[in-house]
Amino acid sequence: MSILVISCSLHQQSRSYVLAREMVTNFEKLGVNARLYDLRDYELPFCNAGTSSDHPHTIAIKQAIAAAQTVILAVPIYTFDVNAVAKNLLELTGRAWTNKLVGFLCAAGGRSSYMSVMNISNDLMLDYRCMIIPRFVYAVGDDFGDDRLPTMHVTSPLISDRLRQLATVTVELTRALAGIKIT
């Protein structure tokens, strides 16, 4: 089973990263290895018609996505949408997303943007035939202890439970879809 978790925030004290890290821990508790990519560690160029697809970091993340059965995106929500880093990632890696199972972890400033992943979900479904996990995690600042400190962690029992539920359903769906080619 190949599961990739990608944290798409560039913030030094990223809530998205905390969710991603917690998700990987939940996968490990289920006996599944998941690889965590933190985009703060990858200098991805802006997508353009030039050489952005030839950048070594673009190639590395594209290969990781292509090799994965399932990808969980941990995204910050800005102005009722996923951040530009997540959008740029999708543009840079394009066809690597084909036929993936995809889930979302969202870190937002307010509770009103819970449908913000719909645009990127539609892109993934329609352009790359991805299957979107019908459960996602949506957290705000109040759901974290030591918010924006190096010791930041999830404190909300509801968010912790949702992370466990998403990990479980992700593993179940990944197993169920193994060997099925979506065309």
C-alpha atoms as a PDB file:
ATOM      1  CA  MET A   1       0.000   0.000   0.000  1.00  0.00           C
ATOM      2  CA  SER A   2       1.454   3.330  -1.016  1.00  0.00           C
ATOM      3  CA  ILE A   3       0.032   6.397   0.715  1.00  0.00           C
ATOM      4  CA  LEU A   4       1.526   9.846   0.357  1.00  0.00           C
ATOM      5  CA  VAL A   5       0.630  12.773   2.639  1.00  0.00           C
ATOM      6  CA  ILE A   6       1.603  16.214   1.299  1.00  0.00           C
ATOM      7  CA  SER A   7       1.643  19.304   3.515  1.00  0.00           C
ATOM      8  CA  CYS A   8       1.058  22.281   1.207  1.00  0.00           C
ATOM      9  CA  SER A   9       1.652  25.147   3.626  1.00  0.00           C
ATOM     10  CA  LEU A  10       4.808  27.226   3.584  1.00  0.00           C
ATOM     11  CA  HIS A  11       4.097  28.803   6.997  1.00  0.00           C
ATOM     12  CA  GLN A  12       6.937  28.205   9.469  1.00  0.00           C
ATOM     13  CA  GLN A  13       4.461  27.058  12.148  1.00  0.00           C
ATOM     14  CA  SER A  14       1.989  25.331   9.846  1.00  0.00           C
ATOM     15  CA  ARG A  15      -1.318  23.956  11.079  1.00  0.00           C
ATOM     16  CA  SER A  16      -1.580  21.955   7.847  1.00  0.00           C
ATOM     17  CA  TYR A  17       1.723  20.278   8.658  1.00  0.00           C
ATOM     18  CA  VAL A  18       0.513  19.419  12.167  1.00  0.00           C
ATOM     19  CA  LEU A  19      -2.569  17.759  10.634  1.00  0.00           C
ATOM     20  CA  ALA A  20      -0.382  15.928   8.100  1.00  0.00           C
ATOM     21  CA  ARG A  21       2.002  14.694  10.786  1.00  0.00           C
ATOM     22  CA  GLU A  22      -0.929  13.494  12.903  1.00  0.00           C
ATOM     23  CA  MET A  23      -2.392  11.722   9.866  1.00  0.00           C
ATOM     24  CA  VAL A  24       0.854   9.826   9.278  1.00  0.00           C
ATOM     25  CA  THR A  25       0.821   8.783  12.950  1.00  0.00           C
ATOM     26  CA  ASN A  26      -2.734   7.469  12.527  1.00  0.00           C
ATOM     27  CA  PHE A  27      -1.690   5.457   9.481  1.00  0.00           C
ATOM     28  CA  GLU A  28       1.214   3.986  11.451  1.00  0.00           C
ATOM     29  CA  LYS A  29      -1.197   2.958  14.236  1.00  0.00           C
ATOM     30  CA  LEU A  30      -3.145   1.063  11.559  1.00  0.00           C
ATOM     31  CA  GLY A  31       0.042  -0.706  10.487  1.00  0.00           C
ATOM     32  CA  VAL A  32       0.382   1.267   7.255  1.00  0.00           C
ATOM     33  CA  ASN A  33       3.435   3.238   6.217  1.00  0.00           C
ATOM     34  CA  ALA A  34       2.690   6.632   4.738  1.00  0.00           C
ATOM     35  CA  ARG A  35       5.307   9.003   3.406  1.00  0.00           C
ATOM     36  CA  LEU A  36       5.091  12.663   4.422  1.00  0.00           C
ATOM     37  CA  TYR A  37       6.168  15.366   2.002  1.00  0.00           C
ATOM     38  CA  ASP A  38       6.483  18.827   3.529  1.00  0.00           C
ATOM     39  CA  LEU A  39       6.511  21.372   0.692  1.00  0.00           C
ATOM     40  CA  ARG A  40       8.495  23.752   2.892  1.00  0.00           C
ATOM     41  CA  ASP A  41      11.402  21.426   2.072  1.00  0.00           C
ATOM     42  CA  TYR A  42      10.877  21.639  -1.697  1.00  0.00           C
ATOM     43  CA  GLU A  43      11.603  24.753  -3.701  1.00  0.00           C
ATOM     44  CA  LEU A  44       8.924  24.288  -6.333  1.00  0.00           C
ATOM     45  CA  PRO A  45       8.973  26.839  -9.153  1.00  0.00           C
ATOM     46  CA  PHE A  46       5.818  28.508 -10.381  1.00  0.00           C
ATOM     47  CA  CYS A  47       4.246  26.510 -13.170  1.00  0.00           C
ATOM     48  CA  ASN A  48       4.916  28.046 -16.562  1.00  0.00           C
ATOM     49  CA  ALA A  49       5.498  27.002 -20.133  1.00  0.00           C
ATOM     50  CA  GLY A  50       9.250  27.068 -19.527  1.00  0.00           C
ATOM     51  CA  THR A  51      11.437  24.799 -17.467  1.00  0.00           C
ATOM     52  CA  SER A  52       9.331  24.459 -14.293  1.00  0.00           C
ATOM     53  CA  SER A  53       8.587  20.811 -15.064  1.00  0.00           C
ATOM     54  CA  ASP A  54      12.335  20.077 -15.342  1.00  0.00           C
ATOM     55  CA  HIS A  55      13.189  21.360 -11.851  1.00  0.00           C
ATOM     56  CA  PRO A  56      14.617  18.533  -9.679  1.00  0.00           C
ATOM     57  CA  HIS A  57      12.079  19.135  -6.896  1.00  0.00           C
ATOM     58  CA  THR A  58       9.211  19.069  -9.399  1.00  0.00           C
ATOM     59  CA  ILE A  59      10.487  15.775 -10.781  1.00  0.00           C
ATOM     60  CA  ALA A  60      10.876  14.273  -7.287  1.00  0.00           C
ATOM     61  CA  ILE A  61       7.373  15.162  -6.090  1.00  0.00           C
ATOM     62  CA  LYS A  62       5.836  14.181  -9.430  1.00  0.00           C
ATOM     63  CA  GLN A  63       7.461  10.739  -9.199  1.00  0.00           C
ATOM     64  CA  ALA A  64       6.256  10.326  -5.613  1.00  0.00           C
ATOM     65  CA  ILE A  65       2.666  11.180  -6.592  1.00  0.00           C
ATOM     66  CA  ALA A  66       2.796   8.877  -9.623  1.00  0.00           C
ATOM     67  CA  ALA A  67       4.034   5.980  -7.465  1.00  0.00           C
ATOM     68  CA  ALA A  68       1.379   6.430  -4.767  1.00  0.00           C
ATOM     69  CA  GLN A  69      -2.000   4.729  -4.757  1.00  0.00           C
ATOM     70  CA  THR A  70      -3.444   7.379  -2.463  1.00  0.00           C
ATOM     71  CA  VAL A  71      -2.574  11.003  -1.768  1.00  0.00           C
ATOM     72  CA  ILE A  72      -3.769  13.037   1.212  1.00  0.00           C
ATOM     73  CA  LEU A  73      -3.367  16.796   0.738  1.00  0.00           C
ATOM     74  CA  ALA A  74      -2.997  18.908   3.880  1.00  0.00           C
ATOM     75  CA  VAL A  75      -3.933  22.408   2.741  1.00  0.00           C
ATOM     76  CA  PRO A  76      -4.397  25.804   4.313  1.00  0.00           C
ATOM     77  CA  ILE A  77      -7.550  27.602   3.252  1.00  0.00           C
ATOM     78  CA  TYR A  78      -7.186  31.206   2.125  1.00  0.00           C
ATOM     79  CA  THR A  79     -10.107  33.301   0.883  1.00  0.00           C
ATOM     80  CA  PHE A  80     -12.432  30.310   0.513  1.00  0.00           C
ATOM     81  CA  ASP A  81      -9.998  28.191  -1.523  1.00  0.00           C
ATOM     82  CA  VAL A  82      -6.921  26.010  -1.097  1.00  0.00           C
ATOM     83  CA  ASN A  83      -3.669  27.952  -1.104  1.00  0.00           C
ATOM     84  CA  ALA A  84      -1.686  28.783  -4.244  1.00  0.00           C
ATOM     85  CA  VAL A  85       0.996  26.254  -3.298  1.00  0.00           C
ATOM     86  CA  ALA A  86      -1.517  23.387  -3.594  1.00  0.00           C
ATOM     87  CA  LYS A  87      -2.804  24.723  -6.911  1.00  0.00           C
ATOM     88  CA  ASN A  88       0.746  25.118  -8.215  1.00  0.00           C
ATOM     89  CA  LEU A  89       1.547  21.560  -7.098  1.00  0.00           C
ATOM     90  CA  LEU A  90      -1.363  20.249  -9.135  1.00  0.00           C
ATOM     91  CA  GLU A  91      -0.298  22.260 -12.189  1.00  0.00           C
ATOM     92  CA  LEU A  92       3.319  21.118 -11.929  1.00  0.00           C
ATOM     93  CA  THR A  93       2.543  17.449 -11.445  1.00  0.00           C
ATOM     94  CA  GLY A  94      -0.509  17.083 -13.716  1.00  0.00           C
ATOM     95  CA  ARG A  95      -0.880  13.568 -15.084  1.00  0.00           C
ATOM     96  CA  ALA A  96       0.905  12.030 -12.089  1.00  0.00           C
ATOM     97  CA  TRP A  97      -2.475  12.361 -10.347  1.00  0.00           C
ATOM     98  CA  THR A  98      -4.270  10.083 -12.819  1.00  0.00           C
ATOM     99  CA  ASN A  99      -6.437   7.436 -11.140  1.00  0.00           C
ATOM    100  CA  LYS A 100      -5.471   8.291  -7.547  1.00  0.00           C
ATOM    101  CA  LEU A 101      -7.547   8.128  -4.411  1.00  0.00           C
ATOM    102  CA  VAL A 102      -7.334  11.610  -2.855  1.00  0.00           C
ATOM    103  CA  GLY A 103      -8.287  12.977   0.548  1.00  0.00           C
ATOM    104  CA  PHE A 104      -8.032  16.353   2.263  1.00  0.00           C
ATOM    105  CA  LEU A 105      -6.927  17.836   5.566  1.00  0.00           C
ATOM    106  CA  CYS A 106      -7.862  21.519   5.799  1.00  0.00           C
ATOM    107  CA  ALA A 107      -6.557  24.192   8.154  1.00  0.00           C
ATOM    108  CA  ALA A 108      -8.593  27.371   7.990  1.00  0.00           C
ATOM    109  CA  GLY A 109      -8.970  30.691   9.739  1.00  0.00           C
ATOM    110  CA  GLY A 110     -12.720  30.381  10.136  1.00  0.00           C
ATOM    111  CA  ARG A 111     -15.459  27.781  10.102  1.00  0.00           C
ATOM    112  CA  SER A 112     -17.256  29.093   6.997  1.00  0.00           C
ATOM    113  CA  SER A 113     -14.885  27.750   4.319  1.00  0.00           C
ATOM    114  CA  TYR A 114     -15.549  24.049   4.799  1.00  0.00           C
ATOM    115  CA  MET A 115     -16.445  23.551   1.113  1.00  0.00           C
ATOM    116  CA  SER A 116     -13.212  25.141  -0.111  1.00  0.00           C
ATOM    117  CA  VAL A 117     -11.752  21.893  -1.467  1.00  0.00           C
ATOM    118  CA  MET A 118     -14.555  21.497  -4.012  1.00  0.00           C
ATOM    119  CA  ASN A 119     -12.740  23.318  -6.835  1.00  0.00           C
ATOM    120  CA  ILE A 120      -9.561  21.269  -6.568  1.00  0.00           C
ATOM    121  CA  SER A 121     -11.645  18.111  -6.013  1.00  0.00           C
ATOM    122  CA  ASN A 122     -13.519  18.755  -9.237  1.00  0.00           C
ATOM    123  CA  ASP A 123     -10.251  19.340 -11.102  1.00  0.00           C
ATOM    124  CA  LEU A 124      -8.836  16.083  -9.776  1.00  0.00           C
ATOM    125  CA  MET A 125     -12.001  14.121 -10.582  1.00  0.00           C
ATOM    126  CA  LEU A 126     -12.645  15.532 -14.026  1.00  0.00           C
ATOM    127  CA  ASP A 127      -9.116  16.064 -15.339  1.00  0.00           C
ATOM    128  CA  TYR A 128      -7.349  13.076 -13.768  1.00  0.00           C
ATOM    129  CA  ARG A 129     -10.144  10.606 -12.905  1.00  0.00           C
ATOM    130  CA  CYS A 130      -9.285  10.693  -9.208  1.00  0.00           C
ATOM    131  CA  MET A 131     -11.643   9.316  -6.630  1.00  0.00           C
ATOM    132  CA  ILE A 132     -12.188  11.742  -3.761  1.00  0.00           C
ATOM    133  CA  ILE A 133     -12.562  10.296  -0.268  1.00  0.00           C
ATOM    134  CA  PRO A 134     -15.988  11.475   0.925  1.00  0.00           C
ATOM    135  CA  ARG A 135     -14.651  12.401   4.360  1.00  0.00           C
ATOM    136  CA  PHE A 136     -12.172  15.155   5.147  1.00  0.00           C
ATOM    137  CA  VAL A 137     -10.846  17.024   8.152  1.00  0.00           C
ATOM    138  CA  TYR A 138     -11.466  20.742   8.588  1.00  0.00           C
ATOM    139  CA  ALA A 139      -9.728  22.420  11.524  1.00  0.00           C
ATOM    140  CA  VAL A 140      -9.363  26.015  12.750  1.00  0.00           C
ATOM    141  CA  GLY A 141      -6.972  27.689  15.187  1.00  0.00           C
ATOM    142  CA  ASP A 142      -9.078  26.789  18.237  1.00  0.00           C
ATOM    143  CA  ASP A 143      -8.477  23.108  17.453  1.00  0.00           C
ATOM    144  CA  PHE A 144      -4.749  23.413  18.200  1.00  0.00           C
ATOM    145  CA  GLY A 145      -2.780  23.779  21.413  1.00  0.00           C
ATOM    146  CA  ASP A 146       0.334  25.983  21.425  1.00  0.00           C
ATOM    147  CA  ASP A 147      -0.994  27.495  18.199  1.00  0.00           C
ATOM    148  CA  ARG A 148       1.793  28.783  15.945  1.00  0.00           C
ATOM    149  CA  LEU A 149       4.518  27.597  18.329  1.00  0.00           C
ATOM    150  CA  PRO A 150       7.027  24.819  17.594  1.00  0.00           C
ATOM    151  CA  THR A 151       5.103  22.609  20.041  1.00  0.00           C
ATOM    152  CA  MET A 152       1.754  23.094  18.243  1.00  0.00           C
ATOM    153  CA  HIS A 153      -0.485  20.031  18.344  1.00  0.00           C
ATOM    154  CA  VAL A 154      -4.102  18.996  17.836  1.00  0.00           C
ATOM    155  CA  THR A 155      -6.115  19.386  21.050  1.00  0.00           C
ATOM    156  CA  SER A 156      -9.670  19.049  19.760  1.00  0.00           C
ATOM    157  CA  PRO A 157     -11.088  15.583  20.489  1.00  0.00           C
ATOM    158  CA  LEU A 158     -13.421  16.041  17.511  1.00  0.00           C
ATOM    159  CA  ILE A 159     -10.540  16.764  15.102  1.00  0.00           C
ATOM    160  CA  SER A 160      -8.479  13.898  16.551  1.00  0.00           C
ATOM    161  CA  ASP A 161     -11.433  11.562  16.013  1.00  0.00           C
ATOM    162  CA  ARG A 162     -11.944  12.809  12.456  1.00  0.00           C
ATOM    163  CA  LEU A 163      -8.248  12.241  11.694  1.00  0.00           C
ATOM    164  CA  ARG A 164      -8.565   8.648  12.947  1.00  0.00           C
ATOM    165  CA  GLN A 165     -11.742   8.127  10.917  1.00  0.00           C
ATOM    166  CA  LEU A 166     -10.134   9.529   7.767  1.00  0.00           C
ATOM    167  CA  ALA A 167      -7.087   7.286   8.235  1.00  0.00           C
ATOM    168  CA  THR A 168      -9.307   4.233   8.652  1.00  0.00           C
ATOM    169  CA  VAL A 169     -11.520   4.935   5.650  1.00  0.00           C
ATOM    170  CA  THR A 170      -8.459   5.821   3.548  1.00  0.00           C
ATOM    171  CA  VAL A 171      -6.844   2.463   4.290  1.00  0.00           C
ATOM    172  CA  GLU A 172     -10.122   0.621   3.623  1.00  0.00           C
ATOM    173  CA  LEU A 173     -10.684   2.393   0.301  1.00  0.00           C
ATOM    174  CA  THR A 174      -7.052   2.002  -0.781  1.00  0.00           C
ATOM    175  CA  ARG A 175      -7.292  -1.749  -0.158  1.00  0.00           C
ATOM    176  CA  ALA A 176     -10.678  -2.014  -1.880  1.00  0.00           C
ATOM    177  CA  LEU A 177      -9.431  -0.177  -4.970  1.00  0.00           C
ATOM    178  CA  ALA A 178      -6.118  -2.064  -5.232  1.00  0.00           C
ATOM    179  CA  GLY A 179      -5.852  -3.591  -8.678  1.00  0.00           C
ATOM    180  CA  ILE A 180      -8.845  -1.715 -10.060  1.00  0.00           C
ATOM    181  CA  LYS A 181      -7.889   0.560 -12.945  1.00  0.00           C
ATOM    182  CA  ILE A 182     -10.100   3.592 -13.243  1.00  0.00           C
ATOM    183  CA  THR A 183     -10.422   4.504 -16.910  1.00  0.00           C
END
